[in-house]
Protein backbone atom coordinates (compact mmCIF):
# COMPACT_ATOMS: atom_id res chain seq x y z
CA MET A 1 108.66 94.49 65.60
CA LYS A 2 105.83 95.64 68.05
CA ALA A 3 102.27 94.83 67.30
CA SER A 4 100.07 97.19 65.60
CA GLY A 5 97.48 99.38 67.76
CA GLY A 6 100.11 98.66 70.72
CA ILE A 7 100.15 102.40 71.11
CA HIS A 8 96.68 103.09 71.16
CA PHE A 9 96.41 100.00 73.60
CA GLU A 10 98.72 101.66 76.20
CA GLU A 11 97.06 105.36 75.97
CA ASN A 12 93.88 103.48 76.58
CA VAL A 13 95.12 101.84 79.67
CA ASN A 14 97.01 104.89 80.59
CA MET A 15 94.13 106.52 80.20
CA ALA A 16 92.03 103.98 82.60
CA THR A 17 94.94 104.26 85.04
CA ARG A 18 94.62 107.83 85.30
CA GLN A 19 91.13 107.69 85.62
CA HIS A 20 91.10 104.75 88.87
CA ARG A 21 93.53 106.87 90.69
CA HIS A 22 91.39 109.95 90.50
CA THR A 23 88.43 108.43 91.85
CA SER A 24 90.57 106.55 94.53
CA LYS A 25 92.11 109.66 95.65
CA PRO A 26 89.21 111.09 97.84
CA LYS A 27 89.48 107.66 99.93
CA LEU A 28 93.30 107.89 100.35
CA GLU A 29 92.88 111.44 102.05
CA VAL A 30 90.61 110.36 104.72
CA VAL A 31 92.36 107.17 105.63
CA PRO A 32 95.64 108.28 108.09
CA ARG A 33 98.53 107.64 107.07
CA SER A 34 101.38 105.43 108.70
CA THR A 35 103.41 106.51 111.83
CA LEU A 36 105.20 103.20 112.09
CA PRO A 37 108.73 103.30 111.95
CA VAL A 38 110.56 101.91 109.11
CA HIS A 39 112.00 99.09 111.26
CA LEU A 40 109.16 97.42 112.33
CA THR A 41 109.00 93.72 113.67
CA ASP A 42 106.81 90.89 114.15
CA ALA A 43 106.31 89.53 118.04
CA LYS A 44 109.29 87.44 117.53
CA GLY A 45 111.54 90.25 116.28
CA ASN A 46 111.56 89.26 112.60
CA VAL A 47 111.96 92.53 110.73
CA VAL A 48 109.12 93.53 108.35
CA HIS A 49 109.57 94.61 104.77
CA SER A 50 106.25 94.01 103.30
CA ARG A 51 104.85 97.43 101.64
CA ILE A 52 101.31 96.83 102.78
CA LEU A 53 102.15 95.86 106.40
CA LEU A 54 104.46 99.04 106.82
CA SER A 55 102.08 101.21 105.35
CA LEU A 56 99.62 100.35 108.07
CA PRO A 57 98.81 102.78 111.16
CA GLY A 58 99.89 101.03 114.75
CA LYS A 59 96.48 100.34 115.51
CA GLU A 60 95.80 98.21 112.88
CA TYR A 61 99.23 96.75 112.75
CA ASP A 62 98.67 96.01 116.26
CA ALA A 63 95.56 93.95 115.39
CA LEU A 64 97.21 91.85 113.01
CA LEU A 65 100.25 91.36 114.90
CA PRO A 66 98.83 88.24 117.25
CA HIS A 67 97.98 86.51 113.76
CA LEU A 68 101.37 87.05 111.56
CA GLU A 69 103.46 83.97 111.41
CA PHE A 70 107.08 84.18 110.06
CA VAL A 71 107.48 81.74 107.56
CA GLU A 72 110.84 80.95 105.09
CA LEU A 73 109.56 80.33 101.22
CA ARG A 74 111.19 77.87 99.34
CA LEU A 75 111.62 77.63 95.77
CA LYS A 76 109.17 75.59 94.03
CA GLN A 77 106.67 76.01 97.26
CA SER A 78 103.16 75.93 96.64
CA LEU A 79 101.16 78.63 98.37
CA HIS A 80 97.93 77.68 97.68
CA GLU A 81 98.11 74.26 99.25
CA SER A 82 94.88 73.49 100.48
CA PRO A 83 92.42 71.51 98.19
CA ASP A 84 89.57 72.90 100.38
CA GLY A 85 90.12 76.63 99.14
CA LEU A 86 92.80 79.44 100.47
CA GLU A 87 93.86 78.65 104.34
CA TYR A 88 96.43 81.54 104.41
CA GLY A 89 97.49 84.69 102.46
CA TYR A 90 100.95 85.97 102.72
CA PHE A 91 102.56 89.40 102.71
CA LEU A 92 105.80 88.53 101.47
CA ASN A 93 109.36 90.41 102.54
CA PHE A 94 111.40 89.05 100.10
CA GLY A 95 111.76 86.46 96.87
CA LEU A 96 109.17 86.05 94.30
CA THR A 97 105.95 84.52 93.53
CA SER A 98 104.25 83.64 90.41
CA LEU A 99 100.49 83.19 90.02
CA VAL A 100 100.38 80.68 87.28
CA ILE A 101 97.61 78.86 85.52
CA VAL A 102 97.46 75.24 84.51
CA THR A 103 95.35 73.46 82.04
CA ASN A 104 94.20 70.00 82.06
CA ASP A 105 97.20 68.98 79.36
CA GLY A 106 99.75 70.26 82.27
CA ARG A 107 100.75 73.45 80.23
CA SER A 108 101.18 76.90 82.16
CA VAL A 109 101.93 80.08 81.63
CA GLU A 110 102.21 82.92 84.30
CA VAL A 111 99.50 85.54 84.68
CA GLY A 112 101.28 87.35 87.64
CA ILE A 113 103.65 88.53 90.12
CA VAL A 114 104.03 89.12 93.63
CA GLY A 115 107.12 90.56 95.84
CA ARG A 116 107.35 92.39 98.71
CA GLU A 117 104.98 95.21 97.36
CA GLY A 118 101.97 92.52 97.47
CA PHE A 119 99.72 89.82 99.08
CA VAL A 120 99.37 86.39 98.05
CA GLY A 121 95.65 85.51 98.31
CA THR A 122 93.99 88.81 97.56
CA PRO A 123 90.25 86.80 96.82
CA ILE A 124 90.22 86.62 101.06
CA ALA A 125 89.78 90.29 101.06
CA ALA A 126 86.57 90.03 99.28
CA GLY A 127 85.23 87.34 101.44
CA LEU A 128 86.37 84.19 98.67
CA ASN A 129 88.42 81.34 99.30
CA ARG A 130 88.89 80.05 95.99
CA THR A 131 91.26 81.21 93.10
CA PRO A 132 91.94 79.92 89.25
CA TYR A 133 95.70 80.69 90.04
CA GLY A 134 98.45 78.57 91.68
CA ALA A 135 100.94 80.43 93.38
CA VAL A 136 104.30 79.03 93.33
CA VAL A 137 107.76 80.32 95.04
CA GLN A 138 110.13 81.27 92.53
CA ALA A 139 112.70 82.77 94.25
CA ASN A 140 113.60 82.07 97.93
CA GLY A 141 112.42 84.43 100.50
CA ASN A 142 110.48 84.83 103.50
CA GLY A 143 107.37 86.58 104.81
CA PHE A 144 104.04 86.52 107.23
CA ARG A 145 101.16 84.65 106.66
CA ILE A 146 97.66 84.93 108.26
CA LYS A 147 94.85 82.28 108.29
CA ALA A 148 92.25 83.21 105.94
CA GLU A 149 89.07 83.15 108.32
CA VAL A 150 91.11 85.86 110.87
CA LEU A 151 91.83 87.96 108.03
CA GLU A 152 88.32 88.15 107.31
CA VAL A 153 87.33 89.02 110.68
CA ILE A 154 90.18 91.47 111.04
CA LEU A 155 89.31 93.77 107.66
CA SER A 156 85.80 94.52 109.44
CA SER A 157 87.92 96.91 111.66
CA THR A 158 91.16 97.80 109.64
CA PRO A 159 89.98 100.13 107.24
CA ASN A 160 93.18 101.15 105.75
CA LEU A 161 94.26 97.27 105.71
CA ARG A 162 90.99 96.89 103.54
CA LEU A 163 91.97 99.55 101.17
CA ARG A 164 95.20 98.62 100.53
CA LEU A 165 94.34 95.00 99.97
CA ASN A 166 91.60 96.25 97.63
CA GLN A 167 93.81 98.71 96.01
CA TYR A 168 96.28 95.64 95.44
CA ALA A 169 93.76 93.26 93.88
CA GLN A 170 92.99 95.86 91.53
CA ILE A 171 96.42 96.74 90.30
CA GLN A 172 96.76 92.56 90.02
CA GLY A 173 94.12 92.59 87.83
CA MET A 174 94.93 94.94 85.68
CA GLN A 175 98.03 93.39 85.64
CA VAL A 176 96.62 90.12 84.80
CA ALA A 177 94.62 91.65 81.71
CA GLN A 178 97.79 93.28 80.31
CA LEU A 179 99.98 90.19 80.67
CA ALA A 180 97.06 88.33 78.52
CA ALA A 181 97.69 91.05 76.00
CA CYS A 182 101.25 90.88 76.28
CA ASN A 183 101.21 87.11 75.57
CA ARG A 184 98.90 87.28 72.87
CA LEU A 185 100.26 89.87 70.60
CA HIS A 186 103.94 90.44 71.33
CA GLU A 187 107.42 88.73 70.17
CA ILE A 188 109.00 86.11 72.45
CA ASP A 189 112.04 88.51 73.13
CA GLN A 190 110.22 91.60 73.88
CA ARG A 191 107.90 89.63 76.57
CA LEU A 192 111.34 87.96 77.88
CA ALA A 193 113.09 91.61 78.45
CA ARG A 194 109.50 92.32 80.00
CA TRP A 195 109.43 89.58 82.17
CA LEU A 196 112.85 89.98 83.39
CA LEU A 197 112.54 93.66 84.30
CA MET A 198 109.03 92.94 86.47
CA CYS A 199 111.51 90.30 88.29
CA GLN A 200 114.43 92.66 88.92
CA ASP A 201 111.78 95.13 90.15
CA ARG A 202 110.52 92.80 92.95
CA ILE A 203 113.83 90.75 93.96
CA GLY A 204 116.14 93.99 93.82
CA SER A 205 118.71 92.18 92.42
CA ASP A 206 121.05 92.11 88.73
CA LEU A 207 121.43 88.29 89.35
CA LEU A 208 118.23 86.74 88.81
CA PRO A 209 118.23 82.41 89.69
CA MET A 210 116.23 81.30 86.90
CA THR A 211 116.72 78.52 84.26
CA HIS A 212 115.46 78.55 80.47
CA GLU A 213 112.76 76.08 81.16
CA PHE A 214 111.62 78.07 84.13
CA PHE A 215 111.72 80.91 81.35
CA ALA A 216 109.53 78.54 78.98
CA GLU A 217 107.01 77.69 81.79
CA MET A 218 106.32 81.32 82.91
CA LEU A 219 105.94 82.61 79.46
CA GLY A 220 103.67 79.61 78.30
CA THR A 221 106.03 78.98 75.05
CA GLY A 222 108.46 76.28 74.11
CA ARG A 223 112.14 75.87 75.47
CA PRO A 224 113.79 76.62 72.05
CA SER A 225 111.93 79.83 71.49
CA VAL A 226 113.23 81.18 74.90
CA SER A 227 116.55 80.04 74.20
CA LEU A 228 116.77 82.12 71.00
CA ALA A 229 115.20 85.32 72.34
CA ALA A 230 117.50 84.75 75.29
CA ALA A 231 120.46 84.62 73.09
CA VAL A 232 119.26 87.95 71.14
CA LEU A 233 119.20 89.78 74.45
CA GLN A 234 122.80 88.25 75.59
CA ARG A 235 124.26 89.18 71.86
CA ALA A 236 123.09 92.63 72.67
CA GLY A 237 124.83 93.02 75.77
CA PHE A 238 121.67 93.17 78.06
CA ILE A 239 121.95 90.13 79.99
CA GLN A 240 124.50 87.66 80.79
CA TYR A 241 123.34 83.84 80.65
CA ALA A 242 124.83 80.89 82.85
CA ARG A 243 123.22 77.64 83.70
CA GLY A 244 121.00 78.56 86.66
CA ALA A 245 121.13 82.22 86.63
CA VAL A 246 120.60 85.21 84.50
CA LYS A 247 122.32 88.55 85.15
CA ILE A 248 121.08 91.91 83.94
CA THR A 249 124.07 94.05 82.66
CA ASN A 250 122.15 96.65 80.79
CA ARG A 251 119.21 97.86 82.30
CA LYS A 252 118.40 100.46 80.22
CA GLY A 253 118.80 98.47 76.71
CA LEU A 254 116.77 95.87 77.79
CA GLU A 255 113.96 98.45 78.78
CA ASP A 256 114.40 99.38 75.22
CA ALA A 257 113.84 95.96 74.06
CA ALA A 258 110.56 95.18 76.18
CA CYS A 259 107.59 95.74 74.80
CA GLU A 260 105.36 98.55 75.75
CA CYS A 261 103.59 96.58 78.23
CA TYR A 262 106.31 96.97 80.77
CA GLY A 263 105.76 101.01 80.64
CA VAL A 264 102.05 100.43 81.18
CA ILE A 265 102.84 97.73 84.40
CA ARG A 266 105.28 100.18 85.50
CA GLN A 267 102.52 102.85 85.90
CA LEU A 268 100.39 100.49 87.37
CA ASP A 269 102.84 99.90 89.76
CA ASP A 270 103.26 103.37 90.64
CA ASN A 271 101.13 103.87 93.95
CA PRO A 272 104.07 104.80 96.37
CA ASN A 273 102.33 102.83 99.15
CA ILE A 274 102.48 99.56 97.28
CA SER A 275 104.98 100.29 94.49
CA PRO A 276 107.21 96.97 93.99
CA ASN A 277 110.31 99.27 92.35
CA LEU A 278 113.19 98.33 94.58
CA LEU A 279 115.42 100.18 92.08
CA ARG A 280 113.69 103.49 92.57
């Protein structure tokens, strides 16, 4: 059953989202839209798929280009690896990165998901070099990284990039708040359905390379609870589970099974410049 008050909660968030979009619209109108081709590449010929990089006008991308380093992103790789703070920011091309809170007793829960719509290291855009979140690659992919101190300097002369990163940071913050409510108020099967949909939006595939142990870690619950929730969704015909992977077989059914948080987060993601949804 859905938690009581969920409808009012969603309406409040939707209202806040509309207000946020309304106040940011004048700024968007005065920032030049990208004139870059879809098949943008870096200096070594690697194709750019990052939505933020693709949204930039030519002069701003040219300012970034000498400082972008193409990197492969491997499963379980930590992107916040330096003990001295954030060393790099990452524009993702493909794959999936989870923002994770880890407690002193070793327990963890996912508080955000980043795909090619986003940027790992949003505090850098505000001049900060630390974050309470870990960033762990959860699906193999690639992207472009840039040194934090270089990005801070470049942002002073790239207003479009600064706006895009600030937009994304705001949306990511609202996503984190929504997931906090979701983890507290909704049943595990609803949360699992919501999480699978968010992952599919960012990976762009029906096949998700993920295990029950991984589900449990990301949802902050025990494996037995996740296994029961996955069994419910599989019996309903929404997913098929084999060791190490989940296939979404009925997306519409999975959307109906998810809590209202998925709809709220999808609305937050609706900015056409940074939308993660590869299925639209």
